Amino acid sequence: MSKPSQKNYSRFQNEIGYKFKNIALLERALTHSSYANENRAAGVLDNERFEFLGDSILGMNTALYLFNKYPDEPEGELTKMRSSLVCTGALCDRAKAISLGDELRLGHGEESGGGRERPSILADAFEAVIGAIYLDSGEESARSFIKKFVFDAEKGGEWSVTDYKTTLQEIVQKNRGEMLSYHVIESNGPDHERSFTVEVMINSNHIGTGHGHSKKEAEQMAAREALKLMGMEQ
């Protein structure tokens, strides 16, 4: 068993509007594997199991939300919408909105390497927090968190479905002779937790890089970066 928490995370709990009965659950949700590995002798556990649980809860709630909100949309469109909501880039943005990175427990290497801003770490921790809330007080509290910080995160309580690849393709097609292509430049991790880095190019010119847990997600993030550089995406 890990030692009891010495921190109450009051700022973060106020930020998310949820107070934990068992603060150790939140602390574990905020503990990256790099920190746990450095403190294994003290019994510190990482957030990966919580992330697994939170990912499942988020996926189910997102599917139900979209199924009910868009009764006439076909499966393909619902899949695109779900991807837009729960991809690494989107969850990273949600995590930054609640300053989750400030609360992370990171190992020395991740700390010095900019881990508090790393999209995959922030997205994973965001899912882990969902898992921790579920374990602390059940499905309704987890659903309320998801609704507030995922579904209602955009102004007006709505969000826009953005297929960055399609948007970029439409822009590029306006210029004859320009060809858009995506290339995997790096892949890491075990098969069940693979991460990909993809670059997008116009002809032979690099215009963006993206990261994700699948090639498709990494391509979307690369297209998003390209659109940002073009001034087409905030």
Protein backbone atom coordinates (compact mmCIF):
# COMPACT_ATOMS: atom_id res chain seq x y z
CA MET A 1 0.00 0.00 0.00
CA SER A 2 1.20 3.52 -0.74
CA LYS A 3 1.62 6.05 2.02
CA PRO A 4 -1.30 8.37 2.85
CA SER A 5 -1.38 11.62 0.88
CA GLN A 6 0.27 14.65 2.42
CA LYS A 7 -1.59 16.99 0.06
CA ASN A 8 -5.29 17.82 -0.16
CA TYR A 9 -5.30 19.18 -3.74
CA SER A 10 -7.79 21.84 -2.66
CA ARG A 11 -7.19 24.10 -5.67
CA PHE A 12 -7.77 21.29 -8.11
CA GLN A 13 -10.86 20.04 -6.31
CA ASN A 14 -12.29 23.56 -6.33
CA GLU A 15 -11.44 23.86 -10.02
CA ILE A 16 -13.37 20.73 -10.98
CA GLY A 17 -16.18 21.29 -8.48
CA TYR A 18 -15.80 17.87 -6.89
CA LYS A 19 -14.47 17.02 -3.42
CA PHE A 20 -12.99 13.57 -2.96
CA LYS A 21 -13.99 11.46 0.01
CA ASN A 22 -10.78 9.47 -0.45
CA ILE A 23 -8.04 11.87 -1.53
CA ALA A 24 -5.67 8.96 -2.17
CA LEU A 25 -7.72 8.11 -5.26
CA LEU A 26 -7.09 11.55 -6.73
CA GLU A 27 -3.42 11.38 -5.85
CA ARG A 28 -3.05 8.09 -7.67
CA ALA A 29 -4.90 9.49 -10.70
CA LEU A 30 -2.28 12.24 -10.84
CA THR A 31 0.71 9.90 -10.48
CA HIS A 32 2.59 9.18 -13.69
CA SER A 33 4.44 5.89 -14.10
CA SER A 34 7.79 7.73 -14.08
CA TYR A 35 7.13 8.95 -10.52
CA ALA A 36 5.86 5.55 -9.39
CA ASN A 37 8.96 3.86 -10.80
CA GLU A 38 11.23 6.21 -8.87
CA ASN A 39 9.27 5.60 -5.66
CA ARG A 40 8.42 1.92 -5.99
CA ALA A 41 10.08 1.10 -2.67
CA ALA A 42 7.59 3.41 -0.95
CA GLY A 43 4.69 1.52 -2.48
CA VAL A 44 3.66 4.31 -4.86
CA LEU A 45 1.29 3.17 -7.64
CA ASP A 46 0.82 4.84 -11.02
CA ASN A 47 -2.42 5.96 -12.67
CA GLU A 48 -2.52 3.49 -15.56
CA ARG A 49 -5.28 1.27 -14.15
CA PHE A 50 -7.36 4.37 -13.38
CA GLU A 51 -6.75 5.60 -16.93
CA PHE A 52 -8.02 2.27 -18.29
CA LEU A 53 -11.20 2.58 -16.23
CA GLY A 54 -11.71 6.26 -17.06
CA ASP A 55 -11.23 5.63 -20.77
CA SER A 56 -14.00 3.01 -20.71
CA ILE A 57 -16.37 5.25 -18.76
CA LEU A 58 -15.67 8.20 -21.06
CA GLY A 59 -16.15 6.06 -24.16
CA MET A 60 -19.51 4.70 -23.03
CA ASN A 61 -20.85 8.08 -21.94
CA THR A 62 -19.67 9.72 -25.15
CA ALA A 63 -21.35 7.05 -27.28
CA LEU A 64 -24.64 7.45 -25.39
CA TYR A 65 -24.46 11.24 -25.57
CA LEU A 66 -23.92 11.27 -29.33
CA PHE A 67 -26.45 8.51 -29.98
CA ASN A 68 -29.16 10.48 -28.19
CA LYS A 69 -28.17 13.95 -29.38
CA TYR A 70 -27.87 13.06 -33.07
CA PRO A 71 -30.58 10.44 -33.76
CA ASP A 72 -30.36 10.81 -37.54
CA GLU A 73 -26.60 10.60 -37.96
CA PRO A 74 -25.14 7.38 -39.44
CA GLU A 75 -22.56 5.30 -37.61
CA GLY A 76 -19.67 6.75 -39.60
CA GLU A 77 -20.46 10.32 -38.60
CA LEU A 78 -20.99 9.35 -34.96
CA THR A 79 -17.57 7.70 -34.99
CA LYS A 80 -15.96 10.91 -36.29
CA MET A 81 -17.74 12.93 -33.62
CA ARG A 82 -16.60 10.58 -30.88
CA SER A 83 -13.02 10.74 -32.12
CA SER A 84 -13.14 14.52 -32.10
CA LEU A 85 -14.33 14.56 -28.50
CA VAL A 86 -12.02 11.99 -26.94
CA CYS A 87 -8.81 12.11 -29.00
CA THR A 88 -5.56 12.92 -27.22
CA GLY A 89 -5.55 16.51 -28.48
CA ALA A 90 -9.08 17.22 -27.25
CA LEU A 91 -8.51 15.66 -23.83
CA CYS A 92 -5.20 17.50 -23.53
CA ASP A 93 -7.07 20.76 -24.09
CA ARG A 94 -9.60 19.80 -21.40
CA ALA A 95 -6.79 18.93 -19.00
CA LYS A 96 -5.10 22.28 -19.60
CA ALA A 97 -8.38 24.09 -18.99
CA ILE A 98 -8.40 22.78 -15.41
CA SER A 99 -4.61 23.17 -14.96
CA LEU A 100 -4.26 19.45 -14.41
CA GLY A 101 -0.59 19.54 -15.38
CA ASP A 102 0.23 21.61 -12.31
CA GLU A 103 -0.87 18.76 -10.05
CA LEU A 104 0.89 15.83 -11.74
CA ARG A 105 3.44 13.75 -9.88
CA LEU A 106 6.24 13.12 -12.39
CA GLY A 107 9.61 11.46 -12.27
CA HIS A 108 12.71 13.61 -12.64
CA GLY A 109 13.18 12.75 -16.30
CA GLU A 110 9.61 13.59 -17.29
CA GLU A 111 9.69 16.73 -15.16
CA SER A 112 12.81 18.05 -16.85
CA GLY A 113 11.57 16.90 -20.26
CA GLY A 114 8.39 18.97 -20.19
CA GLY A 115 6.05 16.20 -19.07
CA ARG A 116 3.56 18.64 -17.56
CA GLU A 117 2.78 19.86 -21.08
CA ARG A 118 3.00 16.52 -22.88
CA PRO A 119 -0.37 15.84 -24.56
CA SER A 120 -0.38 12.08 -23.98
CA ILE A 121 0.41 12.46 -20.26
CA LEU A 122 -2.27 15.12 -19.78
CA ALA A 123 -4.90 13.17 -21.72
CA ASP A 124 -4.14 9.97 -19.81
CA ALA A 125 -4.31 11.76 -16.46
CA PHE A 126 -7.62 13.37 -17.44
CA GLU A 127 -9.06 9.89 -18.04
CA ALA A 128 -7.51 8.68 -14.79
CA VAL A 129 -9.31 11.45 -12.89
CA ILE A 130 -12.59 10.23 -14.38
CA GLY A 131 -11.76 6.75 -13.12
CA ALA A 132 -10.89 8.10 -9.68
CA ILE A 133 -14.18 10.01 -9.41
CA TYR A 134 -16.07 6.86 -10.38
CA LEU A 135 -14.28 4.83 -7.70
CA ASP A 136 -14.83 7.58 -5.13
CA SER A 137 -18.58 8.04 -5.56
CA GLY A 138 -19.94 6.20 -8.56
CA GLU A 139 -21.22 6.61 -12.07
CA GLU A 140 -23.37 9.71 -11.62
CA SER A 141 -20.47 11.82 -10.34
CA ALA A 142 -18.22 10.61 -13.16
CA ARG A 143 -20.96 11.41 -15.69
CA SER A 144 -21.38 14.92 -14.26
CA PHE A 145 -17.64 15.56 -14.60
CA ILE A 146 -17.65 14.33 -18.20
CA LYS A 147 -20.66 16.47 -19.07
CA LYS A 148 -19.11 19.58 -17.56
CA PHE A 149 -15.57 19.24 -18.86
CA VAL A 150 -16.06 17.37 -22.12
CA PHE A 151 -19.57 17.82 -23.51
CA ASP A 152 -20.20 21.34 -22.22
CA ALA A 153 -16.63 22.55 -22.46
CA GLU A 154 -17.14 24.83 -25.43
CA LYS A 155 -18.96 28.17 -25.21
CA GLY A 156 -22.70 27.84 -25.30
CA GLY A 157 -22.55 24.29 -24.03
CA GLU A 158 -21.86 22.95 -27.51
CA TRP A 159 -18.83 21.66 -29.35
CA SER A 160 -17.99 21.56 -32.99
CA VAL A 161 -17.21 18.31 -34.76
CA THR A 162 -13.95 18.89 -36.56
CA ASP A 163 -12.43 16.50 -39.04
CA TYR A 164 -9.09 18.25 -39.41
CA LYS A 165 -7.89 15.95 -42.21
CA THR A 166 -10.92 16.68 -44.36
CA THR A 167 -10.65 20.42 -43.73
CA LEU A 168 -6.95 20.42 -44.66
CA GLN A 169 -7.61 18.30 -47.75
CA GLU A 170 -10.28 20.72 -48.96
CA ILE A 171 -7.88 23.64 -48.60
CA VAL A 172 -5.04 21.88 -50.40
CA GLN A 173 -7.26 20.72 -53.27
CA LYS A 174 -7.91 24.34 -54.19
CA ASN A 175 -4.33 24.56 -55.44
CA ARG A 176 -3.61 22.37 -58.45
CA GLY A 177 -0.50 20.26 -58.32
CA GLU A 178 -0.26 20.13 -54.53
CA MET A 179 -0.37 16.68 -52.96
CA LEU A 180 -1.10 15.97 -49.31
CA SER A 181 0.48 12.95 -47.62
CA TYR A 182 0.87 11.53 -44.09
CA HIS A 183 3.87 9.53 -42.85
CA VAL A 184 4.44 7.67 -39.58
CA ILE A 185 7.81 8.87 -38.32
CA GLU A 186 7.80 7.14 -34.92
CA SER A 187 5.88 4.48 -32.99
CA ASN A 188 6.48 3.47 -29.39
CA GLY A 189 5.06 1.30 -26.64
CA PRO A 190 3.59 -2.19 -26.35
CA ASP A 191 0.86 -3.34 -28.73
CA HIS A 192 -1.94 -2.60 -26.24
CA GLU A 193 -0.68 0.93 -25.58
CA ARG A 194 0.96 2.01 -28.82
CA SER A 195 1.63 5.68 -29.56
CA PHE A 196 2.32 7.15 -32.98
CA THR A 197 3.94 10.29 -34.34
CA VAL A 198 2.84 11.33 -37.83
CA GLU A 199 3.97 14.16 -40.07
CA VAL A 200 1.83 15.70 -42.80
CA MET A 201 3.41 17.08 -45.95
CA ILE A 202 2.40 19.11 -48.97
CA ASN A 203 4.50 17.70 -51.77
CA SER A 204 7.92 17.50 -50.08
CA ASN A 205 7.28 20.24 -47.49
CA HIS A 206 6.63 19.37 -43.85
CA ILE A 207 3.61 21.31 -42.53
CA GLY A 208 2.66 19.59 -39.30
CA THR A 209 3.30 16.86 -36.72
CA GLY A 210 0.79 15.00 -34.58
CA HIS A 211 0.76 12.38 -31.82
CA GLY A 212 -1.91 9.83 -30.90
CA HIS A 213 -2.74 6.33 -29.69
CA SER A 214 -3.62 5.32 -33.25
CA LYS A 215 -2.37 6.32 -36.69
CA LYS A 216 -5.72 7.96 -37.48
CA GLU A 217 -5.64 10.05 -34.32
CA ALA A 218 -2.04 11.12 -34.96
CA GLU A 219 -2.97 12.10 -38.51
CA GLN A 220 -5.84 14.24 -37.21
CA MET A 221 -3.49 15.99 -34.80
CA ALA A 222 -0.92 16.56 -37.56
CA ALA A 223 -3.62 18.09 -39.76
CA ARG A 224 -4.74 20.26 -36.84
CA GLU A 225 -1.20 21.59 -36.35
CA ALA A 226 -0.97 22.34 -40.07
CA LEU A 227 -4.24 24.27 -39.93
CA LYS A 228 -2.96 26.24 -36.94
CA LEU A 229 0.16 27.22 -38.87
CA MET A 230 -2.10 28.37 -41.69
CA GLY A 231 -4.13 30.45 -39.27
CA MET A 232 -7.20 28.29 -39.87
CA GLU A 233 -7.46 26.72 -36.40
CA GLN A 234 -7.22 28.32 -32.96
